[in-house]
Amino acid sequence: MRTTITALSSLAAAALLTVAGATSAQAAEGVLTIDGVERENPSGCYPVSDAPDYFTVANDTNVGARVHSGANCSGGLTNLVGPGSVQEIYGASVFIP
């Protein structure tokens, strides 16, 4: 059972990274809103807090935004907020290519 869960977790992580990697070659156009703060045509890393916590991301851009568990886009990938999505997520920073 533990092997099955580990394998499924690995597959899910690989799929998330594949989707995130597929969007990295595009430039972001639109508005990324993190806890009410808008960023037009965002690019790079946006620290939210020093430690992981819940916050809201509205991604009105043409690329996916990657959420990281550590400040300055370090640590593990915790979520991907796709274009046109609004999510309450858990993490400490957001990266958009």
PDB file of N, CA and C in Angstrom:
ATOM      1  N   MET A   1       0.826  -1.190   0.000  1.00  0.00           N
ATOM      2  CA  MET A   1       0.000   0.000   0.000  1.00  0.00           C
ATOM      3  C   MET A   1       0.872   1.256   0.000  1.00  0.00           C
ATOM      4  N   ARG A   2       1.899   1.254   0.842  1.00  0.00           N
ATOM      5  CA  ARG A   2       2.781   2.409   0.927  1.00  0.00           C
ATOM      6  C   ARG A   2       3.494   2.642  -0.408  1.00  0.00           C
ATOM      7  N   THR A   3       3.894   1.559  -1.079  1.00  0.00           N
ATOM      8  CA  THR A   3       4.551   1.663  -2.379  1.00  0.00           C
ATOM      9  C   THR A   3       3.610   2.266  -3.410  1.00  0.00           C
ATOM     10  N   THR A   4       2.346   1.882  -3.377  1.00  0.00           N
ATOM     11  CA  THR A   4       1.349   2.420  -4.311  1.00  0.00           C
ATOM     12  C   THR A   4       1.154   3.909  -4.092  1.00  0.00           C
ATOM     13  N   ILE A   5       1.042   4.327  -2.841  1.00  0.00           N
ATOM     14  CA  ILE A   5       0.867   5.744  -2.522  1.00  0.00           C
ATOM     15  C   ILE A   5       2.091   6.534  -2.950  1.00  0.00           C
ATOM     16  N   THR A   6       3.276   6.016  -2.687  1.00  0.00           N
ATOM     17  CA  THR A   6       4.508   6.689  -3.094  1.00  0.00           C
ATOM     18  C   THR A   6       4.574   6.819  -4.607  1.00  0.00           C
ATOM     19  N   ALA A   7       4.219   5.769  -5.326  1.00  0.00           N
ATOM     20  CA  ALA A   7       4.243   5.802  -6.792  1.00  0.00           C
ATOM     21  C   ALA A   7       3.242   6.807  -7.325  1.00  0.00           C
ATOM     22  N   LEU A   8       2.038   6.835  -6.771  1.00  0.00           N
ATOM     23  CA  LEU A   8       1.025   7.789  -7.218  1.00  0.00           C
ATOM     24  C   LEU A   8       1.450   9.223  -6.912  1.00  0.00           C
ATOM     25  N   SER A   9       2.059   9.446  -5.760  1.00  0.00           N
ATOM     26  CA  SER A   9       2.552  10.781  -5.415  1.00  0.00           C
ATOM     27  C   SER A   9       3.627  11.223  -6.391  1.00  0.00           C
ATOM     28  N   SER A  10       4.518  10.325  -6.744  1.00  0.00           N
ATOM     29  CA  SER A  10       5.577  10.638  -7.700  1.00  0.00           C
ATOM     30  C   SER A  10       5.011  10.974  -9.069  1.00  0.00           C
ATOM     31  N   LEU A  11       4.010  10.212  -9.510  1.00  0.00           N
ATOM     32  CA  LEU A  11       3.370  10.491 -10.796  1.00  0.00           C
ATOM     33  C   LEU A  11       2.669  11.843 -10.793  1.00  0.00           C
ATOM     34  N   ALA A  12       1.994  12.162  -9.699  1.00  0.00           N
ATOM     35  CA  ALA A  12       1.307  13.452  -9.608  1.00  0.00           C
ATOM     36  C   ALA A  12       2.308  14.598  -9.633  1.00  0.00           C
ATOM     37  N   ALA A  13       3.410  14.458  -8.922  1.00  0.00           N
ATOM     38  CA  ALA A  13       4.443  15.497  -8.912  1.00  0.00           C
ATOM     39  C   ALA A  13       5.059  15.663 -10.292  1.00  0.00           C
ATOM     40  N   ALA A  14       5.305  14.558 -10.976  1.00  0.00           N
ATOM     41  CA  ALA A  14       5.876  14.621 -12.326  1.00  0.00           C
ATOM     42  C   ALA A  14       4.919  15.311 -13.289  1.00  0.00           C
ATOM     43  N   ALA A  15       3.639  15.013 -13.178  1.00  0.00           N
ATOM     44  CA  ALA A  15       2.648  15.662 -14.043  1.00  0.00           C
ATOM     45  C   ALA A  15       2.592  17.158 -13.777  1.00  0.00           C
ATOM     46  N   LEU A  16       2.644  17.554 -12.513  1.00  0.00           N
ATOM     47  CA  LEU A  16       2.621  18.967 -12.156  1.00  0.00           C
ATOM     48  C   LEU A  16       3.844  19.678 -12.705  1.00  0.00           C
ATOM     49  N   LEU A  17       5.010  19.073 -12.588  1.00  0.00           N
ATOM     50  CA  LEU A  17       6.226  19.680 -13.112  1.00  0.00           C
ATOM     51  C   LEU A  17       6.209  19.736 -14.630  1.00  0.00           C
ATOM     52  N   THR A  18       5.628  18.749 -15.272  1.00  0.00           N
ATOM     53  CA  THR A  18       5.523  18.763 -16.733  1.00  0.00           C
ATOM     54  C   THR A  18       4.669  19.931 -17.185  1.00  0.00           C
ATOM     55  N   VAL A  19       3.526  20.136 -16.542  1.00  0.00           N
ATOM     56  CA  VAL A  19       2.658  21.261 -16.887  1.00  0.00           C
ATOM     57  C   VAL A  19       3.358  22.574 -16.594  1.00  0.00           C
ATOM     58  N   ALA A  20       4.016  22.672 -15.449  1.00  0.00           N
ATOM     59  CA  ALA A  20       4.721  23.902 -15.087  1.00  0.00           C
ATOM     60  C   ALA A  20       5.865  24.168 -16.051  1.00  0.00           C
ATOM     61  N   GLY A  21       6.578  23.128 -16.443  1.00  0.00           N
ATOM     62  CA  GLY A  21       7.690  23.298 -17.370  1.00  0.00           C
ATOM     63  C   GLY A  21       7.227  23.676 -18.756  1.00  0.00           C
ATOM     64  N   ALA A  22       6.074  23.208 -19.150  1.00  0.00           N
ATOM     65  CA  ALA A  22       5.560  23.509 -20.486  1.00  0.00           C
ATOM     66  C   ALA A  22       5.217  24.980 -20.635  1.00  0.00           C
ATOM     67  N   THR A  23       4.887  25.649 -19.536  1.00  0.00           N
ATOM     68  CA  THR A  23       4.528  27.054 -19.610  1.00  0.00           C
ATOM     69  C   THR A  23       5.720  27.980 -19.444  1.00  0.00           C
ATOM     70  N   SER A  24       6.878  27.456 -19.046  1.00  0.00           N
ATOM     71  CA  SER A  24       7.995  28.322 -18.704  1.00  0.00           C
ATOM     72  C   SER A  24       8.623  29.031 -19.893  1.00  0.00           C
ATOM     73  N   ALA A  25       8.375  28.585 -21.117  1.00  0.00           N
ATOM     74  CA  ALA A  25       8.978  29.215 -22.286  1.00  0.00           C
ATOM     75  C   ALA A  25       8.173  30.430 -22.749  1.00  0.00           C
ATOM     76  N   GLN A  26       7.010  30.664 -22.191  1.00  0.00           N
ATOM     77  CA  GLN A  26       6.156  31.763 -22.593  1.00  0.00           C
ATOM     78  C   GLN A  26       6.327  32.951 -21.650  1.00  0.00           C
ATOM     79  N   ALA A  27       6.126  34.136 -22.176  1.00  0.00           N
ATOM     80  CA  ALA A  27       6.129  35.326 -21.332  1.00  0.00           C
ATOM     81  C   ALA A  27       4.721  35.535 -20.784  1.00  0.00           C
ATOM     82  N   ALA A  28       4.630  35.894 -19.526  1.00  0.00           N
ATOM     83  CA  ALA A  28       3.321  36.112 -18.911  1.00  0.00           C
ATOM     84  C   ALA A  28       2.742  37.445 -19.365  1.00  0.00           C
ATOM     85  N   GLU A  29       1.494  37.402 -19.797  1.00  0.00           N
ATOM     86  CA  GLU A  29       0.762  38.609 -20.146  1.00  0.00           C
ATOM     87  C   GLU A  29      -0.537  38.592 -19.375  1.00  0.00           C
ATOM     88  N   GLY A  30      -0.864  39.691 -18.724  1.00  0.00           N
ATOM     89  CA  GLY A  30      -2.082  39.776 -17.939  1.00  0.00           C
ATOM     90  C   GLY A  30      -1.777  40.260 -16.540  1.00  0.00           C
ATOM     91  N   VAL A  31      -2.650  39.903 -15.620  1.00  0.00           N
ATOM     92  CA  VAL A  31      -2.526  40.364 -14.236  1.00  0.00           C
ATOM     93  C   VAL A  31      -2.513  39.168 -13.293  1.00  0.00           C
ATOM     94  N   LEU A  32      -1.539  39.161 -12.383  1.00  0.00           N
ATOM     95  CA  LEU A  32      -1.451  38.179 -11.305  1.00  0.00           C
ATOM     96  C   LEU A  32      -1.771  38.917 -10.010  1.00  0.00           C
ATOM     97  N   THR A  33      -2.767  38.435  -9.281  1.00  0.00           N
ATOM     98  CA  THR A  33      -3.160  39.085  -8.029  1.00  0.00           C
ATOM     99  C   THR A  33      -2.887  38.128  -6.878  1.00  0.00           C
ATOM    100  N   ILE A  34      -2.068  38.594  -5.920  1.00  0.00           N
ATOM    101  CA  ILE A  34      -1.735  37.797  -4.740  1.00  0.00           C
ATOM    102  C   ILE A  34      -2.237  38.549  -3.528  1.00  0.00           C
ATOM    103  N   ASP A  35      -3.208  37.974  -2.836  1.00  0.00           N
ATOM    104  CA  ASP A  35      -3.840  38.597  -1.670  1.00  0.00           C
ATOM    105  C   ASP A  35      -4.223  40.056  -1.928  1.00  0.00           C
ATOM    106  N   GLY A  36      -4.846  40.291  -3.087  1.00  0.00           N
ATOM    107  CA  GLY A  36      -5.366  41.619  -3.405  1.00  0.00           C
ATOM    108  C   GLY A  36      -4.380  42.574  -4.053  1.00  0.00           C
ATOM    109  N   VAL A  37      -3.101  42.199  -4.158  1.00  0.00           N
ATOM    110  CA  VAL A  37      -2.091  43.058  -4.769  1.00  0.00           C
ATOM    111  C   VAL A  37      -1.908  42.627  -6.224  1.00  0.00           C
ATOM    112  N   GLU A  38      -2.210  43.531  -7.152  1.00  0.00           N
ATOM    113  CA  GLU A  38      -2.133  43.228  -8.574  1.00  0.00           C
ATOM    114  C   GLU A  38      -0.738  43.498  -9.132  1.00  0.00           C
ATOM    115  N   ARG A  39      -0.313  42.603 -10.027  1.00  0.00           N
ATOM    116  CA  ARG A  39       0.967  42.759 -10.731  1.00  0.00           C
ATOM    117  C   ARG A  39       0.693  42.557 -12.216  1.00  0.00           C
ATOM    118  N   GLU A  40       0.894  43.605 -12.998  1.00  0.00           N
ATOM    119  CA  GLU A  40       0.621  43.534 -14.428  1.00  0.00           C
ATOM    120  C   GLU A  40       1.816  42.956 -15.166  1.00  0.00           C
ATOM    121  N   ASN A  41       1.552  42.040 -16.096  1.00  0.00           N
ATOM    122  CA  ASN A  41       2.594  41.340 -16.859  1.00  0.00           C
ATOM    123  C   ASN A  41       3.715  40.851 -15.937  1.00  0.00           C
ATOM    124  N   PRO A  42       3.365  40.031 -14.954  1.00  0.00           N
ATOM    125  CA  PRO A  42       4.332  39.612 -13.939  1.00  0.00           C
ATOM    126  C   PRO A  42       5.430  38.714 -14.501  1.00  0.00           C
ATOM    127  N   SER A  43       6.551  38.723 -13.806  1.00  0.00           N
ATOM    128  CA  SER A  43       7.674  37.870 -14.176  1.00  0.00           C
ATOM    129  C   SER A  43       8.554  37.665 -12.955  1.00  0.00           C
ATOM    130  N   GLY A  44       8.918  36.426 -12.686  1.00  0.00           N
ATOM    131  CA  GLY A  44       9.832  36.138 -11.589  1.00  0.00           C
ATOM    132  C   GLY A  44       9.140  35.663 -10.329  1.00  0.00           C
ATOM    133  N   CYS A  45       9.827  35.858  -9.215  1.00  0.00           N
ATOM    134  CA  CYS A  45       9.384  35.349  -7.921  1.00  0.00           C
ATOM    135  C   CYS A  45       8.745  36.450  -7.084  1.00  0.00           C
ATOM    136  N   TYR A  46       7.640  36.108  -6.446  1.00  0.00           N
ATOM    137  CA  TYR A  46       6.936  37.028  -5.562  1.00  0.00           C
ATOM    138  C   TYR A  46       6.810  36.396  -4.183  1.00  0.00           C
ATOM    139  N   PRO A  47       7.683  36.806  -3.231  1.00  0.00           N
ATOM    140  CA  PRO A  47       7.583  36.289  -1.868  1.00  0.00           C
ATOM    141  C   PRO A  47       6.285  36.763  -1.217  1.00  0.00           C
ATOM    142  N   VAL A  48       5.645  35.873  -0.475  1.00  0.00           N
ATOM    143  CA  VAL A  48       4.404  36.210   0.212  1.00  0.00           C
ATOM    144  C   VAL A  48       4.627  36.251   1.719  1.00  0.00           C
ATOM    145  N   SER A  49       5.384  35.281   2.234  1.00  0.00           N
ATOM    146  CA  SER A  49       5.674  35.231   3.668  1.00  0.00           C
ATOM    147  C   SER A  49       6.963  34.447   3.895  1.00  0.00           C
ATOM    148  N   ASP A  50       7.492  34.537   5.109  1.00  0.00           N
ATOM    149  CA  ASP A  50       8.722  33.807   5.441  1.00  0.00           C
ATOM    150  C   ASP A  50       8.463  32.319   5.657  1.00  0.00           C
ATOM    151  N   ALA A  51       7.251  31.996   6.059  1.00  0.00           N
ATOM    152  CA  ALA A  51       6.873  30.599   6.317  1.00  0.00           C
ATOM    153  C   ALA A  51       5.575  30.305   5.576  1.00  0.00           C
ATOM    154  N   PRO A  52       5.355  29.054   5.190  1.00  0.00           N
ATOM    155  CA  PRO A  52       4.133  28.715   4.457  1.00  0.00           C
ATOM    156  C   PRO A  52       2.871  29.084   5.224  1.00  0.00           C
ATOM    157  N   ASP A  53       1.902  29.588   4.492  1.00  0.00           N
ATOM    158  CA  ASP A  53       0.606  29.953   5.049  1.00  0.00           C
ATOM    159  C   ASP A  53      -0.404  29.968   3.902  1.00  0.00           C
ATOM    160  N   TYR A  54      -1.665  30.178   4.220  1.00  0.00           N
ATOM    161  CA  TYR A  54      -2.694  30.241   3.186  1.00  0.00           C
ATOM    162  C   TYR A  54      -2.808  31.659   2.645  1.00  0.00           C
ATOM    163  N   PHE A  55      -2.963  31.776   1.320  1.00  0.00           N
ATOM    164  CA  PHE A  55      -3.213  33.056   0.671  1.00  0.00           C
ATOM    165  C   PHE A  55      -3.945  32.803  -0.639  1.00  0.00           C
ATOM    166  N   THR A  56      -4.456  33.861  -1.239  1.00  0.00           N
ATOM    167  CA  THR A  56      -5.252  33.737  -2.458  1.00  0.00           C
ATOM    168  C   THR A  56      -4.472  34.231  -3.662  1.00  0.00           C
ATOM    169  N   VAL A  57      -4.531  33.450  -4.733  1.00  0.00           N
ATOM    170  CA  VAL A  57      -3.908  33.828  -6.000  1.00  0.00           C
ATOM    171  C   VAL A  57      -4.985  33.824  -7.076  1.00  0.00           C
ATOM    172  N   ALA A  58      -5.098  34.958  -7.791  1.00  0.00           N
ATOM    173  CA  ALA A  58      -5.956  35.051  -8.971  1.00  0.00           C
ATOM    174  C   ALA A  58      -5.020  35.208 -10.162  1.00  0.00           C
ATOM    175  N   ASN A  59      -4.993  34.211 -11.022  1.00  0.00           N
ATOM    176  CA  ASN A  59      -4.074  34.206 -12.148  1.00  0.00           C
ATOM    177  C   ASN A  59      -4.834  34.543 -13.430  1.00  0.00           C
ATOM    178  N   ASP A  60      -4.823  35.822 -13.795  1.00  0.00           N
ATOM    179  CA  ASP A  60      -5.445  36.268 -15.037  1.00  0.00           C
ATOM    180  C   ASP A  60      -4.363  36.524 -16.077  1.00  0.00           C
ATOM    181  N   THR A  61      -3.390  35.597 -16.157  1.00  0.00           N
ATOM    182  CA  THR A  61      -2.336  35.673 -17.158  1.00  0.00           C
ATOM    183  C   THR A  61      -2.509  34.511 -18.132  1.00  0.00           C
ATOM    184  N   ASN A  62      -1.590  34.414 -19.060  1.00  0.00           N
ATOM    185  CA  ASN A  62      -1.641  33.343 -20.058  1.00  0.00           C
ATOM    186  C   ASN A  62      -0.737  32.163 -19.711  1.00  0.00           C
ATOM    187  N   VAL A  63      -0.131  32.150 -18.526  1.00  0.00           N
ATOM    188  CA  VAL A  63       0.743  31.050 -18.103  1.00  0.00           C
ATOM    189  C   VAL A  63       0.413  30.627 -16.676  1.00  0.00           C
ATOM    190  N   GLY A  64       0.854  29.435 -16.297  1.00  0.00           N
ATOM    191  CA  GLY A  64       0.653  28.933 -14.946  1.00  0.00           C
ATOM    192  C   GLY A  64       1.584  29.596 -13.945  1.00  0.00           C
ATOM    193  N   ALA A  65       1.093  29.782 -12.734  1.00  0.00           N
ATOM    194  CA  ALA A  65       1.894  30.330 -11.636  1.00  0.00           C
ATOM    195  C   ALA A  65       2.220  29.187 -10.681  1.00  0.00           C
ATOM    196  N   ARG A  66       3.511  29.029 -10.365  1.00  0.00           N
ATOM    197  CA  ARG A  66       3.949  27.948  -9.477  1.00  0.00           C
ATOM    198  C   ARG A  66       4.074  28.466  -8.043  1.00  0.00           C
ATOM    199  N   VAL A  67       3.512  27.719  -7.121  1.00  0.00           N
ATOM    200  CA  VAL A  67       3.545  28.090  -5.705  1.00  0.00           C
ATOM    201  C   VAL A  67       4.580  27.225  -5.006  1.00  0.00           C
ATOM    202  N   HIS A  68       5.473  27.868  -4.247  1.00  0.00           N
ATOM    203  CA  HIS A  68       6.552  27.169  -3.545  1.00  0.00           C
ATOM    204  C   HIS A  68       6.359  27.248  -2.034  1.00  0.00           C
ATOM    205  N   SER A  69       6.867  26.243  -1.344  1.00  0.00           N
ATOM    206  CA  SER A  69       6.727  26.176   0.112  1.00  0.00           C
ATOM    207  C   SER A  69       7.671  27.117   0.836  1.00  0.00           C
ATOM    208  N   GLY A  70       8.762  27.524   0.201  1.00  0.00           N
ATOM    209  CA  GLY A  70       9.733  28.405   0.836  1.00  0.00           C
ATOM    210  C   GLY A  70       9.696  29.813   0.271  1.00  0.00           C
ATOM    211  N   ALA A  71      10.227  30.749   1.058  1.00  0.00           N
ATOM    212  CA  ALA A  71      10.344  32.133   0.600  1.00  0.00           C
ATOM    213  C   ALA A  71      11.301  32.191  -0.582  1.00  0.00           C
ATOM    214  N   ASN A  72      11.165  33.189  -1.415  1.00  0.00           N
ATOM    215  CA  ASN A  72      12.027  33.391  -2.582  1.00  0.00           C
ATOM    216  C   ASN A  72      12.005  32.214  -3.544  1.00  0.00           C
ATOM    217  N   CYS A  73      10.844  31.575  -3.649  1.00  0.00           N
ATOM    218  CA  CYS A  73      10.616  30.460  -4.579  1.00  0.00           C
ATOM    219  C   CYS A  73      11.558  29.287  -4.347  1.00  0.00           C
ATOM    220  N   SER A  74      11.900  29.074  -3.102  1.00  0.00           N
ATOM    221  CA  SER A  74      12.698  27.911  -2.717  1.00  0.00           C
ATOM    222  C   SER A  74      11.749  26.845  -2.177  1.00  0.00           C
ATOM    223  N   GLY A  75      12.303  25.717  -1.836  1.00  0.00           N
ATOM    224  CA  GLY A  75      11.484  24.640  -1.287  1.00  0.00           C
ATOM    225  C   GLY A  75      10.684  23.944  -2.367  1.00  0.00           C
ATOM    226  N   GLY A  76       9.834  23.076  -1.948  1.00  0.00           N
ATOM    227  CA  GLY A  76       9.058  22.269  -2.880  1.00  0.00           C
ATOM    228  C   GLY A  76       7.924  23.023  -3.538  1.00  0.00           C
ATOM    229  N   LEU A  77       7.502  22.499  -4.658  1.00  0.00           N
ATOM    230  CA  LEU A  77       6.355  23.020  -5.385  1.00  0.00           C
ATOM    231  C   LEU A  77       5.097  22.506  -4.685  1.00  0.00           C
ATOM    232  N   THR A  78       4.218  23.416  -4.252  1.00  0.00           N
ATOM    233  CA  THR A  78       3.025  22.992  -3.530  1.00  0.00           C
ATOM    234  C   THR A  78       1.766  23.047  -4.370  1.00  0.00           C
ATOM    235  N   ASN A  79       1.786  23.855  -5.433  1.00  0.00           N
ATOM    236  CA  ASN A  79       0.579  23.986  -6.239  1.00  0.00           C
ATOM    237  C   ASN A  79       0.911  24.674  -7.554  1.00  0.00           C
ATOM    238  N   LEU A  80       0.007  24.550  -8.509  1.00  0.00           N
ATOM    239  CA  LEU A  80       0.085  25.269  -9.774  1.00  0.00           C
ATOM    240  C   LEU A  80      -1.266  25.933  -9.972  1.00  0.00           C
ATOM    241  N   VAL A  81      -1.249  27.265 -10.135  1.00  0.00           N
ATOM    242  CA  VAL A  81      -2.479  28.010 -10.377  1.00  0.00           C
ATOM    243  C   VAL A  81      -2.519  28.313 -11.870  1.00  0.00           C
ATOM    244  N   GLY A  82      -3.395  27.631 -12.567  1.00  0.00           N
ATOM    245  CA  GLY A  82      -3.471  27.765 -14.014  1.00  0.00           C
ATOM    246  C   GLY A  82      -4.037  29.103 -14.453  1.00  0.00           C
ATOM    247  N   PRO A  83      -3.841  29.422 -15.731  1.00  0.00           N
ATOM    248  CA  PRO A  83      -4.404  30.657 -16.280  1.00  0.00           C
ATOM    249  C   PRO A  83      -5.922  30.703 -16.090  1.00  0.00           C
ATOM    250  N   GLY A  84      -6.414  31.863 -15.669  1.00  0.00           N
ATOM    251  CA  GLY A  84      -7.848  32.030 -15.470  1.00  0.00           C
ATOM    252  C   GLY A  84      -8.381  31.450 -14.173  1.00  0.00           C
ATOM    253  N   SER A  85      -7.497  31.010 -13.277  1.00  0.00           N
ATOM    254  CA  SER A  85      -7.919  30.371 -12.023  1.00  0.00           C
ATOM    255  C   SER A  85      -7.755  31.302 -10.830  1.00  0.00           C
ATOM    256  N   VAL A  86      -8.607  31.090  -9.846  1.00  0.00           N
ATOM    257  CA  VAL A  86      -8.491  31.747  -8.540  1.00  0.00           C
ATOM    258  C   VAL A  86      -8.481  30.633  -7.510  1.00  0.00           C
ATOM    259  N   GLN A  87      -7.441  30.617  -6.661  1.00  0.00           N
ATOM    260  CA  GLN A  87      -7.330  29.560  -5.658  1.00  0.00           C
ATOM    261  C   GLN A  87      -6.821  30.111  -4.339  1.00  0.00           C
ATOM    262  N   GLU A  88      -7.325  29.534  -3.253  1.00  0.00           N
ATOM    263  CA  GLU A  88      -6.708  29.750  -1.949  1.00  0.00           C
ATOM    264  C   GLU A  88      -5.708  28.617  -1.801  1.00  0.00           C
ATOM    265  N   ILE A  89      -4.461  28.978  -1.609  1.00  0.00           N
ATOM    266  CA  ILE A  89      -3.386  27.984  -1.638  1.00  0.00           C
ATOM    267  C   ILE A  89      -2.517  28.098  -0.391  1.00  0.00           C
ATOM    268  N   TYR A  90      -1.669  27.099  -0.226  1.00  0.00           N
ATOM    269  CA  TYR A  90      -0.733  27.045   0.900  1.00  0.00           C
ATOM    270  C   TYR A  90       0.683  27.106   0.342  1.00  0.00           C
ATOM    271  N   GLY A  91       1.442  28.076   0.780  1.00  0.00           N
ATOM    272  CA  GLY A  91       2.825  28.214   0.334  1.00  0.00           C
ATOM    273  C   GLY A  91       3.430  29.480   0.900  1.00  0.00           C
ATOM    274  N   ALA A  92       4.596  29.874   0.357  1.00  0.00           N
ATOM    275  CA  ALA A  92       5.269  31.067   0.853  1.00  0.00           C
ATOM    276  C   ALA A  92       5.691  32.015  -0.258  1.00  0.00           C
ATOM    277  N   SER A  93       5.642  31.563  -1.520  1.00  0.00           N
ATOM    278  CA  SER A  93       6.027  32.408  -2.640  1.00  0.00           C
ATOM    279  C   SER A  93       5.415  31.886  -3.932  1.00  0.00           C
ATOM    280  N   VAL A  94       5.361  32.779  -4.926  1.00  0.00           N
ATOM    281  CA  VAL A  94       4.776  32.444  -6.225  1.00  0.00           C
ATOM    282  C   VAL A  94       5.762  32.806  -7.323  1.00  0.00           C
ATOM    283  N   PHE A  95       5.983  31.879  -8.266  1.00  0.00           N
ATOM    284  CA  PHE A  95       6.854  32.133  -9.397  1.00  0.00           C
ATOM    285  C   PHE A  95       6.032  32.099 -10.678  1.00  0.00           C
ATOM    286  N   ILE A  96       6.258  33.095 -11.527  1.00  0.00           N
ATOM    287  CA  ILE A  96       5.624  33.102 -12.839  1.00  0.00           C
ATOM    288  C   ILE A  96       6.685  33.460 -13.863  1.00  0.00           C
ATOM    289  N   PRO A  97       6.788  32.657 -14.922  1.00  0.00           N
ATOM    290  CA  PRO A  97       7.850  32.920 -15.911  1.00  0.00           C
ATOM    291  C   PRO A  97       7.616  34.192 -16.714  1.00  0.00           C
TER     292      PRO A  97
END
